[in-house]
């Protein structure tokens, strides 16, 4: 029989399940938005192959490219 401390834990070291769920939830949120962005960009790619895009599309795509660069450089990579 294992002894328990004042909080009722058995002394076994286990990861905090709440934190694991939170990280998984955050990763799922990132994945959801990235899939949406990827799908939209693929649709635009298909559309531009069928119909010449309006001139303003180039400027918007450059703005999106700058936004992607800013997202990628906003935080240092975790190692």
Protein backbone atom coordinates (compact mmCIF):
# COMPACT_ATOMS: atom_id res chain seq x y z
CA UNK A 1 0.00 0.00 0.00
CA UNK A 2 1.41 3.38 -1.02
CA UNK A 3 1.50 6.27 1.42
CA UNK A 4 -0.28 9.48 0.55
CA UNK A 5 0.68 13.04 1.35
CA UNK A 6 -1.65 15.72 2.75
CA UNK A 7 -3.09 16.39 -0.71
CA UNK A 8 -3.89 12.74 -1.30
CA UNK A 9 -1.24 12.06 -3.92
CA UNK A 10 0.63 8.77 -3.82
CA UNK A 11 4.04 10.27 -4.31
CA UNK A 12 4.29 8.93 -7.86
CA UNK A 13 5.64 11.59 -10.18
CA UNK A 14 3.23 12.09 -13.07
CA UNK A 15 2.87 14.99 -15.50
CA UNK A 16 0.11 17.45 -14.79
CA UNK A 17 -2.71 16.36 -17.07
CA UNK A 18 -4.27 19.84 -17.13
CA UNK A 19 -1.10 21.34 -18.63
CA UNK A 20 -0.86 18.56 -21.20
CA UNK A 21 -4.44 19.18 -22.31
CA UNK A 22 -3.78 22.92 -22.52
CA UNK A 23 -0.74 22.41 -24.75
CA UNK A 24 -2.67 20.00 -26.93
CA UNK A 25 -5.54 22.47 -27.17
CA UNK A 26 -3.14 25.27 -28.17
CA UNK A 27 -1.50 23.04 -30.77
CA UNK A 28 -4.92 22.08 -32.13
CA UNK A 29 -5.84 25.75 -32.42
CA UNK A 30 -2.63 26.51 -34.34
CA UNK A 31 -3.27 23.52 -36.60
CA UNK A 32 -6.87 24.59 -37.25
CA UNK A 33 -5.87 28.11 -38.33
CA UNK A 34 -2.92 26.90 -40.40
CA UNK A 35 -5.15 24.42 -42.22
CA UNK A 36 -7.65 27.20 -42.92
CA UNK A 37 -4.92 29.48 -44.26
CA UNK A 38 -3.42 26.70 -46.38
CA UNK A 39 -6.80 25.79 -47.83
CA UNK A 40 -7.54 29.43 -48.67
CA UNK A 41 -4.16 29.89 -50.36
CA UNK A 42 -4.62 26.71 -52.40
CA UNK A 43 -8.05 27.96 -53.50
CA UNK A 44 -6.52 31.29 -54.54
CA UNK A 45 -3.85 29.42 -56.47
CA UNK A 46 -6.49 27.42 -58.33
CA UNK A 47 -8.53 30.56 -58.99
CA UNK A 48 -5.57 32.46 -60.44
CA UNK A 49 -5.00 29.57 -62.82
CA UNK A 50 -8.54 29.97 -64.12
CA UNK A 51 -9.12 33.74 -64.00
CA UNK A 52 -6.48 36.50 -64.06
CA UNK A 53 -6.51 38.13 -60.61
CA UNK A 54 -7.28 41.84 -60.15
CA UNK A 55 -4.21 44.07 -59.76
CA UNK A 56 -4.80 44.63 -56.05
CA UNK A 57 -4.35 40.90 -55.33
CA UNK A 58 -0.56 41.19 -55.70
CA UNK A 59 -0.40 43.88 -53.01
CA UNK A 60 -2.57 41.80 -50.64
CA UNK A 61 -0.40 38.73 -51.18
CA UNK A 62 2.71 40.78 -50.38
CA UNK A 63 1.00 42.00 -47.19
CA UNK A 64 0.22 38.38 -46.26
CA UNK A 65 3.82 37.38 -46.96
CA UNK A 66 5.02 40.15 -44.64
CA UNK A 67 2.57 38.96 -41.98
CA UNK A 68 3.88 35.39 -42.26
CA UNK A 69 7.44 36.67 -41.89
CA UNK A 70 6.44 38.67 -38.80
CA UNK A 71 4.77 35.61 -37.26
CA UNK A 72 7.85 33.47 -37.92
CA UNK A 73 10.21 36.00 -36.35
CA UNK A 74 8.01 37.13 -33.45
CA UNK A 75 9.30 34.54 -30.98
CA UNK A 76 12.56 32.65 -30.80
CA UNK A 77 12.35 28.98 -31.69
CA UNK A 78 12.21 26.55 -28.76
CA UNK A 79 14.97 23.96 -28.74
